[in-house]
């Protein structure tokens, strides 16, 4: 049985894993916006991405929990991805607000 300190560290590593997965998918989305893709290519990219993510998550789970699926690892991964998504959303809204204010200031001149 793991101690609470070990479980907290595993939870934090799982959160970091979720953040890495979220950021990786955002980079893939950005790449798709920069270069237009056919739907078949997008499907292949998604398949390869999720295949890589599953290997990465399995590796992280193997090294932190010795291969056993623990609820706090799953919760930590989902929580990390959700936290990264929330931070991304807030940053995007703040950027849009600043951009809008700068454009208003430019029109007043």
C-alpha atoms as a PDB file:
ATOM      1  CA  UNK A   1       0.000   0.000   0.000  1.00  0.00           C
ATOM      2  CA  UNK A   2       1.281   3.427  -0.952  1.00  0.00           C
ATOM      3  CA  UNK A   3       1.580   6.245   1.532  1.00  0.00           C
ATOM      4  CA  UNK A   4      -0.348   9.482   1.138  1.00  0.00           C
ATOM      5  CA  UNK A   5       2.817  11.380   0.209  1.00  0.00           C
ATOM      6  CA  UNK A   6       3.529   8.953  -2.619  1.00  0.00           C
ATOM      7  CA  UNK A   7      -0.066   9.205  -3.824  1.00  0.00           C
ATOM      8  CA  UNK A   8       0.131  13.003  -3.873  1.00  0.00           C
ATOM      9  CA  UNK A   9       3.319  12.876  -5.951  1.00  0.00           C
ATOM     10  CA  UNK A  10       1.702  10.411  -8.359  1.00  0.00           C
ATOM     11  CA  UNK A  11      -1.322  12.729  -8.593  1.00  0.00           C
ATOM     12  CA  UNK A  12       0.960  15.675  -9.440  1.00  0.00           C
ATOM     13  CA  UNK A  13       2.844  13.642 -12.062  1.00  0.00           C
ATOM     14  CA  UNK A  14      -0.497  12.607 -13.535  1.00  0.00           C
ATOM     15  CA  UNK A  15      -1.574  16.259 -13.643  1.00  0.00           C
ATOM     16  CA  UNK A  16       1.625  17.112 -15.476  1.00  0.00           C
ATOM     17  CA  UNK A  17       0.901  14.261 -17.887  1.00  0.00           C
ATOM     18  CA  UNK A  18      -2.544  15.733 -18.582  1.00  0.00           C
ATOM     19  CA  UNK A  19      -1.023  19.164 -19.185  1.00  0.00           C
ATOM     20  CA  UNK A  20       1.513  17.711 -21.634  1.00  0.00           C
ATOM     21  CA  UNK A  21      -1.218  15.872 -23.547  1.00  0.00           C
ATOM     22  CA  UNK A  22      -3.392  18.994 -23.713  1.00  0.00           C
ATOM     23  CA  UNK A  23      -0.514  21.181 -24.908  1.00  0.00           C
ATOM     24  CA  UNK A  24       0.493  18.596 -27.485  1.00  0.00           C
ATOM     25  CA  UNK A  25      -3.000  18.552 -28.954  1.00  0.00           C
ATOM     26  CA  UNK A  26      -3.104  22.356 -29.011  1.00  0.00           C
ATOM     27  CA  UNK A  27       0.142  22.358 -30.989  1.00  0.00           C
ATOM     28  CA  UNK A  28      -1.415  19.881 -33.432  1.00  0.00           C
ATOM     29  CA  UNK A  29      -4.482  22.144 -33.773  1.00  0.00           C
ATOM     30  CA  UNK A  30      -2.240  25.157 -34.393  1.00  0.00           C
ATOM     31  CA  UNK A  31      -0.364  23.223 -37.084  1.00  0.00           C
ATOM     32  CA  UNK A  32      -3.701  22.414 -38.746  1.00  0.00           C
ATOM     33  CA  UNK A  33      -4.683  26.081 -38.769  1.00  0.00           C
ATOM     34  CA  UNK A  34      -1.386  27.126 -40.319  1.00  0.00           C
ATOM     35  CA  UNK A  35      -1.456  24.454 -43.046  1.00  0.00           C
ATOM     36  CA  UNK A  36      -4.791  23.287 -44.440  1.00  0.00           C
ATOM     37  CA  UNK A  37      -5.238  19.510 -44.381  1.00  0.00           C
ATOM     38  CA  UNK A  38      -7.531  17.059 -46.097  1.00  0.00           C
ATOM     39  CA  UNK A  39      -9.921  15.192 -43.811  1.00  0.00           C
ATOM     40  CA  UNK A  40      -8.128  11.893 -44.380  1.00  0.00           C
ATOM     41  CA  UNK A  41      -4.825  13.460 -43.313  1.00  0.00           C
ATOM     42  CA  UNK A  42      -6.502  14.932 -40.223  1.00  0.00           C
ATOM     43  CA  UNK A  43      -7.838  11.475 -39.356  1.00  0.00           C
ATOM     44  CA  UNK A  44      -4.394   9.941 -39.786  1.00  0.00           C
ATOM     45  CA  UNK A  45      -2.809  12.699 -37.670  1.00  0.00           C
ATOM     46  CA  UNK A  46      -5.375  12.155 -34.919  1.00  0.00           C
ATOM     47  CA  UNK A  47      -4.851   8.405 -34.993  1.00  0.00           C
ATOM     48  CA  UNK A  48      -1.080   8.766 -34.727  1.00  0.00           C
ATOM     49  CA  UNK A  49      -1.401  11.443 -32.029  1.00  0.00           C
ATOM     50  CA  UNK A  50      -3.673   9.340 -29.834  1.00  0.00           C
ATOM     51  CA  UNK A  51      -1.535   6.274 -30.432  1.00  0.00           C
ATOM     52  CA  UNK A  52       1.470   8.264 -29.206  1.00  0.00           C
ATOM     53  CA  UNK A  53      -0.510   9.702 -26.282  1.00  0.00           C
ATOM     54  CA  UNK A  54      -1.628   6.257 -25.186  1.00  0.00           C
ATOM     55  CA  UNK A  55       1.995   5.054 -25.220  1.00  0.00           C
ATOM     56  CA  UNK A  56       3.093   8.171 -23.307  1.00  0.00           C
ATOM     57  CA  UNK A  57       0.344   7.813 -20.673  1.00  0.00           C
ATOM     58  CA  UNK A  58       1.075   4.104 -20.300  1.00  0.00           C
ATOM     59  CA  UNK A  59       4.772   4.871 -19.831  1.00  0.00           C
ATOM     60  CA  UNK A  60       4.010   7.529 -17.213  1.00  0.00           C
ATOM     61  CA  UNK A  61       1.599   5.207 -15.445  1.00  0.00           C
ATOM     62  CA  UNK A  62       4.107   2.364 -15.545  1.00  0.00           C
ATOM     63  CA  UNK A  63       6.889   4.457 -14.021  1.00  0.00           C
ATOM     64  CA  UNK A  64       4.760   6.130 -11.357  1.00  0.00           C
ATOM     65  CA  UNK A  65       2.348   3.371 -10.306  1.00  0.00           C
ATOM     66  CA  UNK A  66       4.269   0.356 -11.618  1.00  0.00           C
ATOM     67  CA  UNK A  67       1.646  -0.329 -14.268  1.00  0.00           C
ATOM     68  CA  UNK A  68      -1.424  -0.468 -12.062  1.00  0.00           C
ATOM     69  CA  UNK A  69      -4.322   1.818 -12.870  1.00  0.00           C
ATOM     70  CA  UNK A  70      -5.067   3.992  -9.855  1.00  0.00           C
ATOM     71  CA  UNK A  71      -8.047   6.309  -9.651  1.00  0.00           C
ATOM     72  CA  UNK A  72      -5.940   9.260  -8.539  1.00  0.00           C
ATOM     73  CA  UNK A  73      -3.726   8.894 -11.632  1.00  0.00           C
ATOM     74  CA  UNK A  74      -6.759   9.012 -13.901  1.00  0.00           C
ATOM     75  CA  UNK A  75      -8.248  11.906 -11.922  1.00  0.00           C
ATOM     76  CA  UNK A  76      -4.924  13.750 -11.908  1.00  0.00           C
ATOM     77  CA  UNK A  77      -4.504  13.379 -15.665  1.00  0.00           C
ATOM     78  CA  UNK A  78      -8.016  14.610 -16.361  1.00  0.00           C
ATOM     79  CA  UNK A  79      -7.597  17.414 -13.818  1.00  0.00           C
ATOM     80  CA  UNK A  80      -4.304  18.501 -15.356  1.00  0.00           C
ATOM     81  CA  UNK A  81      -5.821  18.610 -18.837  1.00  0.00           C
ATOM     82  CA  UNK A  82      -8.854  20.514 -17.528  1.00  0.00           C
ATOM     83  CA  UNK A  83      -6.642  23.007 -15.679  1.00  0.00           C
ATOM     84  CA  UNK A  84      -4.535  23.568 -18.795  1.00  0.00           C
ATOM     85  CA  UNK A  85      -7.710  24.024 -20.848  1.00  0.00           C
ATOM     86  CA  UNK A  86      -9.069  26.547 -18.366  1.00  0.00           C
ATOM     87  CA  UNK A  87      -5.784  28.470 -18.344  1.00  0.00           C
ATOM     88  CA  UNK A  88      -5.750  28.418 -22.153  1.00  0.00           C
ATOM     89  CA  UNK A  89      -9.340  29.727 -22.234  1.00  0.00           C
ATOM     90  CA  UNK A  90      -8.595  32.551 -19.777  1.00  0.00           C
ATOM     91  CA  UNK A  91      -5.421  33.520 -21.652  1.00  0.00           C
ATOM     92  CA  UNK A  92      -7.298  33.592 -24.955  1.00  0.00           C
ATOM     93  CA  UNK A  93     -10.066  35.794 -23.516  1.00  0.00           C
ATOM     94  CA  UNK A  94      -7.524  38.157 -21.962  1.00  0.00           C
ATOM     95  CA  UNK A  95      -5.658  38.400 -25.280  1.00  0.00           C
ATOM     96  CA  UNK A  96      -8.882  39.202 -27.137  1.00  0.00           C
ATOM     97  CA  UNK A  97      -9.822  41.879 -24.588  1.00  0.00           C
ATOM     98  CA  UNK A  98      -6.400  43.540 -24.763  1.00  0.00           C
ATOM     99  CA  UNK A  99      -6.462  43.402 -28.570  1.00  0.00           C
ATOM    100  CA  UNK A 100      -9.930  44.974 -28.652  1.00  0.00           C
ATOM    101  CA  UNK A 101      -8.859  47.774 -26.293  1.00  0.00           C
ATOM    102  CA  UNK A 102      -5.751  48.482 -28.377  1.00  0.00           C
ATOM    103  CA  UNK A 103      -7.827  48.640 -31.554  1.00  0.00           C
ATOM    104  CA  UNK A 104     -10.257  51.081 -29.889  1.00  0.00           C
ATOM    105  CA  UNK A 105      -7.342  53.270 -28.823  1.00  0.00           C
ATOM    106  CA  UNK A 106      -5.921  53.237 -32.335  1.00  0.00           C
ATOM    107  CA  UNK A 107      -9.266  54.323 -33.856  1.00  0.00           C
ATOM    108  CA  UNK A 108      -9.585  57.303 -31.454  1.00  0.00           C
ATOM    109  CA  UNK A 109      -6.362  58.873 -32.753  1.00  0.00           C
END
